[in-house]
Amino acid sequence: MASISIDVDIEEVLWGMSDREKQKLVDELYDDGFTPKELEKKLDPPTHAAESIFNEALDKIKGKWNMLTEEEEQIIINISKRF
């Protein structure tokens, strides 16, 4: 079986995409758990160390709801209901 190797520049691919296609790509990446961490840090820097630790903890569980036990899920839901 023959194979072909093609070197494609990602910038060329992105340049050829419509805005709608780019938005769909970004949405898919976000759904898969990818977020622009550098942008978040620049827009909303933590005010102190405790907030930073809290935000890191939230980042670790974000998108992993299916890995939580029912009890852990209920605890998080109950906390969110307070706000």
C-alpha atoms as a PDB file:
ATOM      1  CA  MET A   1       0.000   0.000   0.000  1.00  0.00           C
ATOM      2  CA  ALA A   2       1.392   3.385  -0.988  1.00  0.00           C
ATOM      3  CA  SER A   3       1.326   6.403   1.278  1.00  0.00           C
ATOM      4  CA  ILE A   4       1.514  10.079   0.540  1.00  0.00           C
ATOM      5  CA  SER A   5       2.872  12.729   2.873  1.00  0.00           C
ATOM      6  CA  ILE A   6       1.671  16.290   2.414  1.00  0.00           C
ATOM      7  CA  ASP A   7       3.037  19.213   4.378  1.00  0.00           C
ATOM      8  CA  VAL A   8       0.138  21.603   5.067  1.00  0.00           C
ATOM      9  CA  ASP A   9       0.587  24.936   6.794  1.00  0.00           C
ATOM     10  CA  ILE A  10      -2.181  25.408   9.376  1.00  0.00           C
ATOM     11  CA  GLU A  11      -2.278  29.127   8.590  1.00  0.00           C
ATOM     12  CA  GLU A  12      -3.156  28.330   4.976  1.00  0.00           C
ATOM     13  CA  VAL A  13      -5.973  26.065   6.139  1.00  0.00           C
ATOM     14  CA  LEU A  14      -7.347  28.716   8.494  1.00  0.00           C
ATOM     15  CA  TRP A  15      -7.037  31.403   5.803  1.00  0.00           C
ATOM     16  CA  GLY A  16      -9.195  29.283   3.496  1.00  0.00           C
ATOM     17  CA  MET A  17     -11.943  28.790   6.082  1.00  0.00           C
ATOM     18  CA  SER A  18     -15.036  30.955   6.254  1.00  0.00           C
ATOM     19  CA  ASP A  19     -15.907  32.755   9.488  1.00  0.00           C
ATOM     20  CA  ARG A  20     -18.675  30.224  10.081  1.00  0.00           C
ATOM     21  CA  GLU A  21     -16.250  27.307   9.645  1.00  0.00           C
ATOM     22  CA  LYS A  22     -13.760  28.931  12.008  1.00  0.00           C
ATOM     23  CA  GLN A  23     -16.481  29.483  14.605  1.00  0.00           C
ATOM     24  CA  LYS A  24     -17.567  25.846  14.297  1.00  0.00           C
ATOM     25  CA  LEU A  25     -13.954  24.717  14.809  1.00  0.00           C
ATOM     26  CA  VAL A  26     -13.590  26.910  17.887  1.00  0.00           C
ATOM     27  CA  ASP A  27     -16.910  25.676  19.284  1.00  0.00           C
ATOM     28  CA  GLU A  28     -15.852  22.048  18.766  1.00  0.00           C
ATOM     29  CA  LEU A  29     -12.531  22.672  20.522  1.00  0.00           C
ATOM     30  CA  TYR A  30     -14.337  24.387  23.411  1.00  0.00           C
ATOM     31  CA  ASP A  31     -16.775  21.463  23.701  1.00  0.00           C
ATOM     32  CA  ASP A  32     -13.764  19.157  23.891  1.00  0.00           C
ATOM     33  CA  GLY A  33     -12.470  21.132  26.879  1.00  0.00           C
ATOM     34  CA  PHE A  34     -10.050  23.527  25.206  1.00  0.00           C
ATOM     35  CA  THR A  35     -10.197  27.097  26.479  1.00  0.00           C
ATOM     36  CA  PRO A  36      -8.039  30.154  25.823  1.00  0.00           C
ATOM     37  CA  LYS A  37      -6.222  30.148  29.182  1.00  0.00           C
ATOM     38  CA  GLU A  38      -3.902  33.007  28.281  1.00  0.00           C
ATOM     39  CA  LEU A  39      -6.859  35.182  27.303  1.00  0.00           C
ATOM     40  CA  GLU A  40      -8.655  34.359  30.559  1.00  0.00           C
ATOM     41  CA  LYS A  41      -5.564  35.321  32.567  1.00  0.00           C
ATOM     42  CA  LYS A  42      -5.244  38.655  30.763  1.00  0.00           C
ATOM     43  CA  LEU A  43      -8.919  39.568  31.037  1.00  0.00           C
ATOM     44  CA  ASP A  44      -9.597  38.467  34.595  1.00  0.00           C
ATOM     45  CA  PRO A  45      -6.469  38.017  36.704  1.00  0.00           C
ATOM     46  CA  PRO A  46      -7.089  36.516  40.166  1.00  0.00           C
ATOM     47  CA  THR A  47      -7.111  39.040  42.968  1.00  0.00           C
ATOM     48  CA  HIS A  48      -5.229  36.791  45.403  1.00  0.00           C
ATOM     49  CA  ALA A  49      -3.732  33.308  45.767  1.00  0.00           C
ATOM     50  CA  ALA A  50      -6.881  31.705  47.191  1.00  0.00           C
ATOM     51  CA  GLU A  51      -8.881  32.792  44.135  1.00  0.00           C
ATOM     52  CA  SER A  52      -6.194  31.424  41.849  1.00  0.00           C
ATOM     53  CA  ILE A  53      -6.274  28.034  43.594  1.00  0.00           C
ATOM     54  CA  PHE A  54     -10.082  28.013  43.423  1.00  0.00           C
ATOM     55  CA  ASN A  55     -10.078  28.832  39.697  1.00  0.00           C
ATOM     56  CA  GLU A  56      -7.514  26.105  39.011  1.00  0.00           C
ATOM     57  CA  ALA A  57      -9.723  23.606  40.858  1.00  0.00           C
ATOM     58  CA  LEU A  58     -12.736  24.642  38.777  1.00  0.00           C
ATOM     59  CA  ASP A  59     -10.696  24.306  35.573  1.00  0.00           C
ATOM     60  CA  LYS A  60      -9.770  20.738  36.537  1.00  0.00           C
ATOM     61  CA  ILE A  61     -13.395  19.605  36.897  1.00  0.00           C
ATOM     62  CA  LYS A  62     -14.787  21.629  33.994  1.00  0.00           C
ATOM     63  CA  GLY A  63     -16.068  19.304  31.286  1.00  0.00           C
ATOM     64  CA  LYS A  64     -15.570  16.183  33.413  1.00  0.00           C
ATOM     65  CA  TRP A  65     -19.091  15.922  34.835  1.00  0.00           C
ATOM     66  CA  ASN A  66     -19.350  12.340  33.598  1.00  0.00           C
ATOM     67  CA  MET A  67     -16.397  11.317  35.794  1.00  0.00           C
ATOM     68  CA  LEU A  68     -18.042  12.500  39.023  1.00  0.00           C
ATOM     69  CA  THR A  69     -19.944  10.267  41.400  1.00  0.00           C
ATOM     70  CA  GLU A  70     -23.621  11.058  41.876  1.00  0.00           C
ATOM     71  CA  GLU A  71     -22.810  12.411  45.327  1.00  0.00           C
ATOM     72  CA  GLU A  72     -20.067  14.729  44.007  1.00  0.00           C
ATOM     73  CA  GLU A  73     -22.349  15.943  41.225  1.00  0.00           C
ATOM     74  CA  GLN A  74     -25.128  16.684  43.716  1.00  0.00           C
ATOM     75  CA  ILE A  75     -22.739  18.617  45.975  1.00  0.00           C
ATOM     76  CA  ILE A  76     -21.704  20.836  43.066  1.00  0.00           C
ATOM     77  CA  ILE A  77     -25.323  21.343  41.987  1.00  0.00           C
ATOM     78  CA  ASN A  78     -26.339  22.283  45.536  1.00  0.00           C
ATOM     79  CA  ILE A  79     -23.484  24.801  45.793  1.00  0.00           C
ATOM     80  CA  SER A  80     -24.499  26.366  42.452  1.00  0.00           C
ATOM     81  CA  LYS A  81     -28.112  26.752  43.642  1.00  0.00           C
ATOM     82  CA  ARG A  82     -26.900  29.147  46.343  1.00  0.00           C
ATOM     83  CA  PHE A  83     -25.944  31.664  43.680  1.00  0.00           C
END
